[in-house]
């Protein structure tokens, strides 16, 4: 998918293990690989930038206004493009975006077995939280955990609002999330938690990037209802569980902290509470 999205002048620069590509109009191409960030010598031309934008939007920005308002575009294969530009307001409502100047292309990587150290089997019964800074491998680890739990015979429901865990597109998961997994794609979190608990009878709920009150309330509702939760949270260590997240301190039995140093996905701490 990445090869069809990028002009050859850009694609040929990238390594095989590329995780994220940053395109900024008139500025140098940068990318993230397993070795970290690199700034190339190639400067993005207006034609290259517009080519990527038109391909990503199927040549029609007007057809994807709602997605522009959300600040990102989901593409097949689990690729997500974050967008920066000028906001257009309609009263108090964000109407759309114009004069797009930056694209952040996130490429999901499936690494089978990356969660083996967790020792998941049919008897695995933990509420687990993964804490890491952005782009440190937490979604890759989360995906493999979901797959292993699911393939051990337990029912898993993934709350995949942006399609980053499953790579869901038009009802098809581009990434392997397990044989006993149901995916709620595109649902707002407050709706997804309710639907999962009421209708899908999960043993585990798996969700990425806890953020606001809807996530906290959903995790607590699952916990008190006897459903296990595997989730991720932005932070550098367990101190991320502060403020309103402090309500979740008694929920998670195990916390894993990831770092980008010395390489993406490094486990710096793994402990039970």
C-alpha atoms as a PDB file:
ATOM      1  CA  UNK A   1       0.000   0.000   0.000  1.00  0.00           C
ATOM      2  CA  UNK A   2       2.806   2.426   0.841  1.00  0.00           C
ATOM      3  CA  UNK A   3       4.420   1.859  -2.550  1.00  0.00           C
ATOM      4  CA  UNK A   4       1.190   2.828  -4.334  1.00  0.00           C
ATOM      5  CA  UNK A   5       0.726   5.867  -2.080  1.00  0.00           C
ATOM      6  CA  UNK A   6       4.153   7.477  -2.502  1.00  0.00           C
ATOM      7  CA  UNK A   7       5.926   8.639  -5.665  1.00  0.00           C
ATOM      8  CA  UNK A   8       8.964   6.498  -6.464  1.00  0.00           C
ATOM      9  CA  UNK A   9      11.231   9.452  -5.677  1.00  0.00           C
ATOM     10  CA  UNK A  10      10.092   9.190  -2.051  1.00  0.00           C
ATOM     11  CA  UNK A  11       9.441   5.464  -1.694  1.00  0.00           C
ATOM     12  CA  UNK A  12      12.945   4.559  -2.874  1.00  0.00           C
ATOM     13  CA  UNK A  13      14.468   6.483   0.049  1.00  0.00           C
ATOM     14  CA  UNK A  14      12.678   4.511   2.750  1.00  0.00           C
ATOM     15  CA  UNK A  15      14.043   1.412   4.542  1.00  0.00           C
ATOM     16  CA  UNK A  16      12.059  -1.827   4.722  1.00  0.00           C
ATOM     17  CA  UNK A  17      11.329  -1.362   8.434  1.00  0.00           C
ATOM     18  CA  UNK A  18       9.824   2.127   8.103  1.00  0.00           C
ATOM     19  CA  UNK A  19       7.177   2.850  10.757  1.00  0.00           C
ATOM     20  CA  UNK A  20       6.237   6.452  10.016  1.00  0.00           C
ATOM     21  CA  UNK A  21       6.850   8.944   7.202  1.00  0.00           C
ATOM     22  CA  UNK A  22       6.602  12.728   7.599  1.00  0.00           C
ATOM     23  CA  UNK A  23       5.911  14.881   4.549  1.00  0.00           C
ATOM     24  CA  UNK A  24       6.040  18.646   5.043  1.00  0.00           C
ATOM     25  CA  UNK A  25       5.617  20.912   2.035  1.00  0.00           C
ATOM     26  CA  UNK A  26       8.959  22.315   0.940  1.00  0.00           C
ATOM     27  CA  UNK A  27      10.865  20.578   3.741  1.00  0.00           C
ATOM     28  CA  UNK A  28      13.050  17.493   3.928  1.00  0.00           C
ATOM     29  CA  UNK A  29      11.552  14.022   4.100  1.00  0.00           C
ATOM     30  CA  UNK A  30      11.866  12.417   7.536  1.00  0.00           C
ATOM     31  CA  UNK A  31      10.970   8.911   8.638  1.00  0.00           C
ATOM     32  CA  UNK A  32      10.958   6.617  11.633  1.00  0.00           C
ATOM     33  CA  UNK A  33      12.377   3.102  11.483  1.00  0.00           C
ATOM     34  CA  UNK A  34      13.326   0.589  14.150  1.00  0.00           C
ATOM     35  CA  UNK A  35      16.619   2.486  14.410  1.00  0.00           C
ATOM     36  CA  UNK A  36      14.907   5.805  15.202  1.00  0.00           C
ATOM     37  CA  UNK A  37      14.158   9.035  13.308  1.00  0.00           C
ATOM     38  CA  UNK A  38      16.167  10.054  10.245  1.00  0.00           C
ATOM     39  CA  UNK A  39      16.056  13.297   8.271  1.00  0.00           C
ATOM     40  CA  UNK A  40      16.838  12.643   4.614  1.00  0.00           C
ATOM     41  CA  UNK A  41      18.441  15.096   2.202  1.00  0.00           C
ATOM     42  CA  UNK A  42      15.438  14.964  -0.149  1.00  0.00           C
ATOM     43  CA  UNK A  43      13.230  18.063  -0.040  1.00  0.00           C
ATOM     44  CA  UNK A  44       9.512  17.489  -0.678  1.00  0.00           C
ATOM     45  CA  UNK A  45       8.309  19.242  -3.821  1.00  0.00           C
ATOM     46  CA  UNK A  46       4.789  20.640  -4.183  1.00  0.00           C
ATOM     47  CA  UNK A  47       4.084  18.060  -6.903  1.00  0.00           C
ATOM     48  CA  UNK A  48       5.181  15.161  -4.671  1.00  0.00           C
ATOM     49  CA  UNK A  49       3.098  16.428  -1.767  1.00  0.00           C
ATOM     50  CA  UNK A  50      -0.010  16.936  -3.899  1.00  0.00           C
ATOM     51  CA  UNK A  51       0.428  13.500  -5.472  1.00  0.00           C
ATOM     52  CA  UNK A  52       0.368  11.800  -2.065  1.00  0.00           C
ATOM     53  CA  UNK A  53      -2.583  13.889  -0.871  1.00  0.00           C
ATOM     54  CA  UNK A  54      -4.644  13.202  -4.000  1.00  0.00           C
ATOM     55  CA  UNK A  55      -3.901   9.461  -3.865  1.00  0.00           C
ATOM     56  CA  UNK A  56      -4.815   9.299  -0.161  1.00  0.00           C
ATOM     57  CA  UNK A  57      -8.111  11.127  -0.722  1.00  0.00           C
ATOM     58  CA  UNK A  58      -8.981   9.330  -3.969  1.00  0.00           C
ATOM     59  CA  UNK A  59      -8.573  12.699  -5.701  1.00  0.00           C
ATOM     60  CA  UNK A  60     -11.395  14.380  -3.787  1.00  0.00           C
ATOM     61  CA  UNK A  61     -10.847  16.330  -0.574  1.00  0.00           C
ATOM     62  CA  UNK A  62     -14.530  17.289  -0.570  1.00  0.00           C
ATOM     63  CA  UNK A  63     -15.644  13.672  -0.236  1.00  0.00           C
ATOM     64  CA  UNK A  64     -13.781  13.197   3.044  1.00  0.00           C
ATOM     65  CA  UNK A  65     -14.739  16.351   4.954  1.00  0.00           C
ATOM     66  CA  UNK A  66     -15.721  14.426   8.101  1.00  0.00           C
ATOM     67  CA  UNK A  67     -12.380  12.627   8.176  1.00  0.00           C
ATOM     68  CA  UNK A  68     -10.489  15.884   7.705  1.00  0.00           C
ATOM     69  CA  UNK A  69     -12.330  17.291  10.715  1.00  0.00           C
ATOM     70  CA  UNK A  70     -11.012  14.353  12.753  1.00  0.00           C
ATOM     71  CA  UNK A  71      -7.482  15.209  11.630  1.00  0.00           C
ATOM     72  CA  UNK A  72      -6.590  11.906  10.032  1.00  0.00           C
ATOM     73  CA  UNK A  73      -7.352   9.619   7.103  1.00  0.00           C
ATOM     74  CA  UNK A  74      -7.647   5.835   7.537  1.00  0.00           C
ATOM     75  CA  UNK A  75      -6.406   3.817   4.569  1.00  0.00           C
ATOM     76  CA  UNK A  76      -6.477   0.106   3.716  1.00  0.00           C
ATOM     77  CA  UNK A  77      -3.898  -2.017   5.500  1.00  0.00           C
ATOM     78  CA  UNK A  78      -4.175  -0.076   8.735  1.00  0.00           C
ATOM     79  CA  UNK A  79      -2.231   2.930   7.431  1.00  0.00           C
ATOM     80  CA  UNK A  80      -3.295   6.193   9.037  1.00  0.00           C
ATOM     81  CA  UNK A  81      -2.384   9.662   7.768  1.00  0.00           C
ATOM     82  CA  UNK A  82      -2.398  12.521  10.247  1.00  0.00           C
ATOM     83  CA  UNK A  83      -3.042  15.913   8.659  1.00  0.00           C
ATOM     84  CA  UNK A  84      -1.950  19.439   9.574  1.00  0.00           C
ATOM     85  CA  UNK A  85      -3.272  22.573   7.921  1.00  0.00           C
ATOM     86  CA  UNK A  86      -5.671  25.476   8.365  1.00  0.00           C
ATOM     87  CA  UNK A  87      -8.965  24.959  10.179  1.00  0.00           C
ATOM     88  CA  UNK A  88     -12.229  26.177   8.624  1.00  0.00           C
ATOM     89  CA  UNK A  89     -14.906  26.984  11.203  1.00  0.00           C
ATOM     90  CA  UNK A  90     -18.681  27.110  10.817  1.00  0.00           C
ATOM     91  CA  UNK A  91     -19.711  29.045  13.909  1.00  0.00           C
ATOM     92  CA  UNK A  92     -18.469  26.992  16.849  1.00  0.00           C
ATOM     93  CA  UNK A  93     -18.110  23.843  14.721  1.00  0.00           C
ATOM     94  CA  UNK A  94     -15.039  22.676  12.844  1.00  0.00           C
ATOM     95  CA  UNK A  95     -16.224  22.432   9.248  1.00  0.00           C
ATOM     96  CA  UNK A  96     -13.173  21.152   7.396  1.00  0.00           C
ATOM     97  CA  UNK A  97      -9.460  21.772   6.790  1.00  0.00           C
ATOM     98  CA  UNK A  98      -7.727  23.660   3.986  1.00  0.00           C
ATOM     99  CA  UNK A  99      -4.184  24.575   2.931  1.00  0.00           C
ATOM    100  CA  UNK A 100      -2.856  21.213   4.079  1.00  0.00           C
ATOM    101  CA  UNK A 101       0.867  21.485   4.761  1.00  0.00           C
ATOM    102  CA  UNK A 102       1.887  18.271   6.565  1.00  0.00           C
ATOM    103  CA  UNK A 103       1.150  14.563   6.341  1.00  0.00           C
ATOM    104  CA  UNK A 104       2.180  12.027   8.962  1.00  0.00           C
ATOM    105  CA  UNK A 105       1.890   8.519   7.532  1.00  0.00           C
ATOM    106  CA  UNK A 106       1.788   5.763  10.164  1.00  0.00           C
ATOM    107  CA  UNK A 107       2.492   2.243   8.867  1.00  0.00           C
ATOM    108  CA  UNK A 108       1.413  -0.633  11.139  1.00  0.00           C
ATOM    109  CA  UNK A 109       3.833  -3.518  11.541  1.00  0.00           C
ATOM    110  CA  UNK A 110       2.776  -6.974  12.589  1.00  0.00           C
ATOM    111  CA  UNK A 111       5.531  -8.700  14.534  1.00  0.00           C
ATOM    112  CA  UNK A 112       4.389 -12.185  15.456  1.00  0.00           C
ATOM    113  CA  UNK A 113       5.670 -13.372  18.820  1.00  0.00           C
ATOM    114  CA  UNK A 114       6.596  -9.939  20.166  1.00  0.00           C
ATOM    115  CA  UNK A 115       4.360 -10.656  23.188  1.00  0.00           C
ATOM    116  CA  UNK A 116       5.821 -14.108  23.959  1.00  0.00           C
ATOM    117  CA  UNK A 117       7.476 -12.826  27.127  1.00  0.00           C
ATOM    118  CA  UNK A 118       4.005 -12.258  28.612  1.00  0.00           C
ATOM    119  CA  UNK A 119       3.339 -16.024  28.500  1.00  0.00           C
ATOM    120  CA  UNK A 120      -0.255 -15.914  27.306  1.00  0.00           C
ATOM    121  CA  UNK A 121      -2.348 -19.083  27.304  1.00  0.00           C
ATOM    122  CA  UNK A 122      -5.950 -20.106  27.934  1.00  0.00           C
ATOM    123  CA  UNK A 123      -5.426 -19.539  31.655  1.00  0.00           C
ATOM    124  CA  UNK A 124      -4.141 -15.983  31.233  1.00  0.00           C
ATOM    125  CA  UNK A 125      -6.262 -13.741  33.468  1.00  0.00           C
ATOM    126  CA  UNK A 126      -4.762 -10.279  33.781  1.00  0.00           C
ATOM    127  CA  UNK A 127      -5.801  -6.681  33.310  1.00  0.00           C
ATOM    128  CA  UNK A 128      -2.753  -5.309  31.533  1.00  0.00           C
ATOM    129  CA  UNK A 129      -1.690  -1.721  30.772  1.00  0.00           C
ATOM    130  CA  UNK A 130       1.059  -0.810  28.298  1.00  0.00           C
ATOM    131  CA  UNK A 131       2.616   2.617  28.897  1.00  0.00           C
ATOM    132  CA  UNK A 132       4.919   4.218  26.356  1.00  0.00           C
ATOM    133  CA  UNK A 133       5.668   7.464  24.543  1.00  0.00           C
ATOM    134  CA  UNK A 134       4.298   7.808  20.985  1.00  0.00           C
ATOM    135  CA  UNK A 135       5.832   5.551  18.320  1.00  0.00           C
ATOM    136  CA  UNK A 136       7.507   3.219  20.823  1.00  0.00           C
ATOM    137  CA  UNK A 137       5.731   0.049  19.673  1.00  0.00           C
ATOM    138  CA  UNK A 138       2.767  -0.138  22.026  1.00  0.00           C
ATOM    139  CA  UNK A 139       0.172  -0.827  19.311  1.00  0.00           C
ATOM    140  CA  UNK A 140       2.350  -3.566  17.783  1.00  0.00           C
ATOM    141  CA  UNK A 141       2.613  -5.228  21.193  1.00  0.00           C
ATOM    142  CA  UNK A 142      -1.098  -4.723  21.898  1.00  0.00           C
ATOM    143  CA  UNK A 143      -2.044  -6.340  18.583  1.00  0.00           C
ATOM    144  CA  UNK A 144       0.068  -9.423  19.264  1.00  0.00           C
ATOM    145  CA  UNK A 145      -1.367  -9.741  22.785  1.00  0.00           C
ATOM    146  CA  UNK A 146      -4.901  -9.638  21.354  1.00  0.00           C
ATOM    147  CA  UNK A 147      -3.993 -12.280  18.766  1.00  0.00           C
ATOM    148  CA  UNK A 148      -2.459 -14.613  21.346  1.00  0.00           C
ATOM    149  CA  UNK A 149      -5.349 -14.295  23.807  1.00  0.00           C
ATOM    150  CA  UNK A 150      -7.850 -14.853  21.003  1.00  0.00           C
ATOM    151  CA  UNK A 151      -6.025 -17.865  19.561  1.00  0.00           C
ATOM    152  CA  UNK A 152      -5.839 -19.420  23.029  1.00  0.00           C
ATOM    153  CA  UNK A 153      -9.628 -19.755  22.839  1.00  0.00           C
ATOM    154  CA  UNK A 154     -10.818 -16.672  24.730  1.00  0.00           C
ATOM    155  CA  UNK A 155     -13.263 -14.140  23.271  1.00  0.00           C
ATOM    156  CA  UNK A 156     -11.641 -10.782  22.512  1.00  0.00           C
ATOM    157  CA  UNK A 157     -13.360  -7.543  21.476  1.00  0.00           C
ATOM    158  CA  UNK A 158     -11.110  -4.850  20.037  1.00  0.00           C
ATOM    159  CA  UNK A 159     -12.313  -1.259  20.294  1.00  0.00           C
ATOM    160  CA  UNK A 160     -10.566   0.080  17.210  1.00  0.00           C
ATOM    161  CA  UNK A 161     -11.840   3.609  16.693  1.00  0.00           C
ATOM    162  CA  UNK A 162      -9.206   4.493  14.075  1.00  0.00           C
ATOM    163  CA  UNK A 163      -8.480   1.034  12.678  1.00  0.00           C
ATOM    164  CA  UNK A 164      -4.853   1.049  13.843  1.00  0.00           C
ATOM    165  CA  UNK A 165      -4.987  -2.255  15.734  1.00  0.00           C
ATOM    166  CA  UNK A 166      -6.821  -4.415  13.200  1.00  0.00           C
ATOM    167  CA  UNK A 167      -6.265  -2.537   9.953  1.00  0.00           C
ATOM    168  CA  UNK A 168     -10.012  -2.827   9.385  1.00  0.00           C
ATOM    169  CA  UNK A 169     -11.240  -1.490   6.039  1.00  0.00           C
ATOM    170  CA  UNK A 170     -14.601  -2.287   4.438  1.00  0.00           C
ATOM    171  CA  UNK A 171     -15.142  -5.157   6.875  1.00  0.00           C
ATOM    172  CA  UNK A 172     -11.765  -6.827   6.329  1.00  0.00           C
ATOM    173  CA  UNK A 173      -8.934  -6.928   8.883  1.00  0.00           C
ATOM    174  CA  UNK A 174      -5.608  -6.403   7.134  1.00  0.00           C
ATOM    175  CA  UNK A 175      -3.776  -7.564  10.260  1.00  0.00           C
ATOM    176  CA  UNK A 176      -4.100 -10.836  12.174  1.00  0.00           C
ATOM    177  CA  UNK A 177      -5.877 -10.165  15.461  1.00  0.00           C
ATOM    178  CA  UNK A 178      -6.911 -13.757  16.195  1.00  0.00           C
ATOM    179  CA  UNK A 179      -9.587 -16.320  15.421  1.00  0.00           C
ATOM    180  CA  UNK A 180     -11.873 -15.435  18.361  1.00  0.00           C
ATOM    181  CA  UNK A 181     -11.806 -11.665  17.932  1.00  0.00           C
ATOM    182  CA  UNK A 182     -14.601  -9.208  17.176  1.00  0.00           C
ATOM    183  CA  UNK A 183     -13.701  -5.676  16.065  1.00  0.00           C
ATOM    184  CA  UNK A 184     -15.747  -2.545  16.729  1.00  0.00           C
ATOM    185  CA  UNK A 185     -14.254  -0.168  14.176  1.00  0.00           C
ATOM    186  CA  UNK A 186     -15.015   3.539  13.967  1.00  0.00           C
ATOM    187  CA  UNK A 187     -17.287   3.647  17.022  1.00  0.00           C
ATOM    188  CA  UNK A 188     -16.764   6.447  19.552  1.00  0.00           C
ATOM    189  CA  UNK A 189     -15.320   4.875  22.691  1.00  0.00           C
ATOM    190  CA  UNK A 190     -18.346   5.612  24.884  1.00  0.00           C
ATOM    191  CA  UNK A 191     -20.558   3.682  22.417  1.00  0.00           C
ATOM    192  CA  UNK A 192     -18.042   0.896  21.791  1.00  0.00           C
ATOM    193  CA  UNK A 193     -17.670  -0.072  25.454  1.00  0.00           C
ATOM    194  CA  UNK A 194     -21.436  -0.307  25.888  1.00  0.00           C
ATOM    195  CA  UNK A 195     -21.928  -2.339  22.702  1.00  0.00           C
ATOM    196  CA  UNK A 196     -19.113  -4.728  23.588  1.00  0.00           C
ATOM    197  CA  UNK A 197     -20.347  -5.386  27.108  1.00  0.00           C
ATOM    198  CA  UNK A 198     -24.036  -5.636  26.226  1.00  0.00           C
ATOM    199  CA  UNK A 199     -23.885  -7.666  23.055  1.00  0.00           C
ATOM    200  CA  UNK A 200     -20.561  -9.423  22.436  1.00  0.00           C
ATOM    201  CA  UNK A 201     -19.811 -11.232  25.706  1.00  0.00           C
ATOM    202  CA  UNK A 202     -16.057 -10.608  25.731  1.00  0.00           C
ATOM    203  CA  UNK A 203     -13.563 -12.252  28.038  1.00  0.00           C
ATOM    204  CA  UNK A 204     -11.203  -9.413  27.146  1.00  0.00           C
ATOM    205  CA  UNK A 205     -11.649  -5.901  25.837  1.00  0.00           C
ATOM    206  CA  UNK A 206      -8.592  -4.557  24.010  1.00  0.00           C
ATOM    207  CA  UNK A 207      -8.260  -0.823  23.360  1.00  0.00           C
ATOM    208  CA  UNK A 208      -5.553   1.606  22.330  1.00  0.00           C
ATOM    209  CA  UNK A 209      -4.625   4.998  23.808  1.00  0.00           C
ATOM    210  CA  UNK A 210      -6.751   5.682  26.865  1.00  0.00           C
ATOM    211  CA  UNK A 211      -7.571   9.369  26.895  1.00  0.00           C
ATOM    212  CA  UNK A 212     -10.700  10.951  28.381  1.00  0.00           C
ATOM    213  CA  UNK A 213     -13.521  10.225  30.781  1.00  0.00           C
ATOM    214  CA  UNK A 214     -15.287   7.921  28.310  1.00  0.00           C
ATOM    215  CA  UNK A 215     -12.285   5.568  28.370  1.00  0.00           C
ATOM    216  CA  UNK A 216     -11.998   5.667  32.145  1.00  0.00           C
ATOM    217  CA  UNK A 217     -15.703   4.993  32.619  1.00  0.00           C
ATOM    218  CA  UNK A 218     -15.605   2.204  30.042  1.00  0.00           C
ATOM    219  CA  UNK A 219     -12.614   0.477  31.653  1.00  0.00           C
ATOM    220  CA  UNK A 220     -14.217   0.710  35.091  1.00  0.00           C
ATOM    221  CA  UNK A 221     -17.517  -0.627  33.769  1.00  0.00           C
ATOM    222  CA  UNK A 222     -15.735  -3.608  32.202  1.00  0.00           C
ATOM    223  CA  UNK A 223     -13.655  -4.216  35.336  1.00  0.00           C
ATOM    224  CA  UNK A 224     -16.623  -4.205  37.694  1.00  0.00           C
ATOM    225  CA  UNK A 225     -18.524  -6.394  35.228  1.00  0.00           C
ATOM    226  CA  UNK A 226     -15.834  -9.072  35.357  1.00  0.00           C
ATOM    227  CA  UNK A 227     -14.368  -8.404  31.901  1.00  0.00           C
ATOM    228  CA  UNK A 228     -10.585  -8.148  31.609  1.00  0.00           C
ATOM    229  CA  UNK A 229      -9.036  -5.136  29.885  1.00  0.00           C
ATOM    230  CA  UNK A 230      -5.811  -4.754  27.901  1.00  0.00           C
ATOM    231  CA  UNK A 231      -5.065  -1.110  27.098  1.00  0.00           C
ATOM    232  CA  UNK A 232      -2.346   1.393  26.266  1.00  0.00           C
ATOM    233  CA  UNK A 233      -1.566   4.825  27.681  1.00  0.00           C
ATOM    234  CA  UNK A 234       0.838   7.554  26.604  1.00  0.00           C
ATOM    235  CA  UNK A 235       3.598   8.183  29.149  1.00  0.00           C
ATOM    236  CA  UNK A 236       7.170   7.383  30.110  1.00  0.00           C
ATOM    237  CA  UNK A 237       6.489   5.292  33.236  1.00  0.00           C
ATOM    238  CA  UNK A 238       3.793   4.340  35.745  1.00  0.00           C
ATOM    239  CA  UNK A 239       3.530   7.971  36.856  1.00  0.00           C
ATOM    240  CA  UNK A 240       1.222   8.373  33.820  1.00  0.00           C
ATOM    241  CA  UNK A 241      -1.492   7.001  36.123  1.00  0.00           C
ATOM    242  CA  UNK A 242      -2.139  10.361  37.759  1.00  0.00           C
ATOM    243  CA  UNK A 243      -4.959  12.902  37.777  1.00  0.00           C
ATOM    244  CA  UNK A 244      -8.163  11.382  36.459  1.00  0.00           C
ATOM    245  CA  UNK A 245      -6.250   8.224  35.407  1.00  0.00           C
ATOM    246  CA  UNK A 246      -5.541   7.540  39.107  1.00  0.00           C
ATOM    247  CA  UNK A 247      -8.992   5.908  39.205  1.00  0.00           C
ATOM    248  CA  UNK A 248      -7.498   3.022  37.196  1.00  0.00           C
ATOM    249  CA  UNK A 249      -4.640   2.198  39.574  1.00  0.00           C
ATOM    250  CA  UNK A 250      -6.572  -0.669  41.154  1.00  0.00           C
ATOM    251  CA  UNK A 251      -7.755  -2.049  37.805  1.00  0.00           C
ATOM    252  CA  UNK A 252      -4.520  -3.167  36.154  1.00  0.00           C
ATOM    253  CA  UNK A 253      -2.740  -6.201  37.596  1.00  0.00           C
ATOM    254  CA  UNK A 254       0.288  -5.769  35.373  1.00  0.00           C
ATOM    255  CA  UNK A 255       2.007  -2.772  33.801  1.00  0.00           C
ATOM    256  CA  UNK A 256       4.518  -2.895  30.958  1.00  0.00           C
ATOM    257  CA  UNK A 257       6.551   0.215  30.107  1.00  0.00           C
ATOM    258  CA  UNK A 258       8.080   0.566  26.643  1.00  0.00           C
ATOM    259  CA  UNK A 259      10.777   2.880  25.328  1.00  0.00           C
ATOM    260  CA  UNK A 260      12.164   3.897  21.928  1.00  0.00           C
ATOM    261  CA  UNK A 261      15.704   3.529  23.275  1.00  0.00           C
ATOM    262  CA  UNK A 262      17.904   1.751  22.381  1.00  0.00           C
ATOM    263  CA  UNK A 263      15.316   0.670  19.798  1.00  0.00           C
ATOM    264  CA  UNK A 264      11.554   0.845  19.275  1.00  0.00           C
ATOM    265  CA  UNK A 265       9.671  -1.645  21.458  1.00  0.00           C
ATOM    266  CA  UNK A 266      12.251  -1.948  24.239  1.00  0.00           C
ATOM    267  CA  UNK A 267      10.645  -3.223  27.465  1.00  0.00           C
ATOM    268  CA  UNK A 268      12.110  -1.129  30.289  1.00  0.00           C
ATOM    269  CA  UNK A 269       9.768  -2.277  33.027  1.00  0.00           C
ATOM    270  CA  UNK A 270       7.358  -5.181  33.507  1.00  0.00           C
ATOM    271  CA  UNK A 271       5.775  -5.549  36.904  1.00  0.00           C
ATOM    272  CA  UNK A 272       2.647  -6.716  38.692  1.00  0.00           C
ATOM    273  CA  UNK A 273       0.849  -4.480  41.148  1.00  0.00           C
END
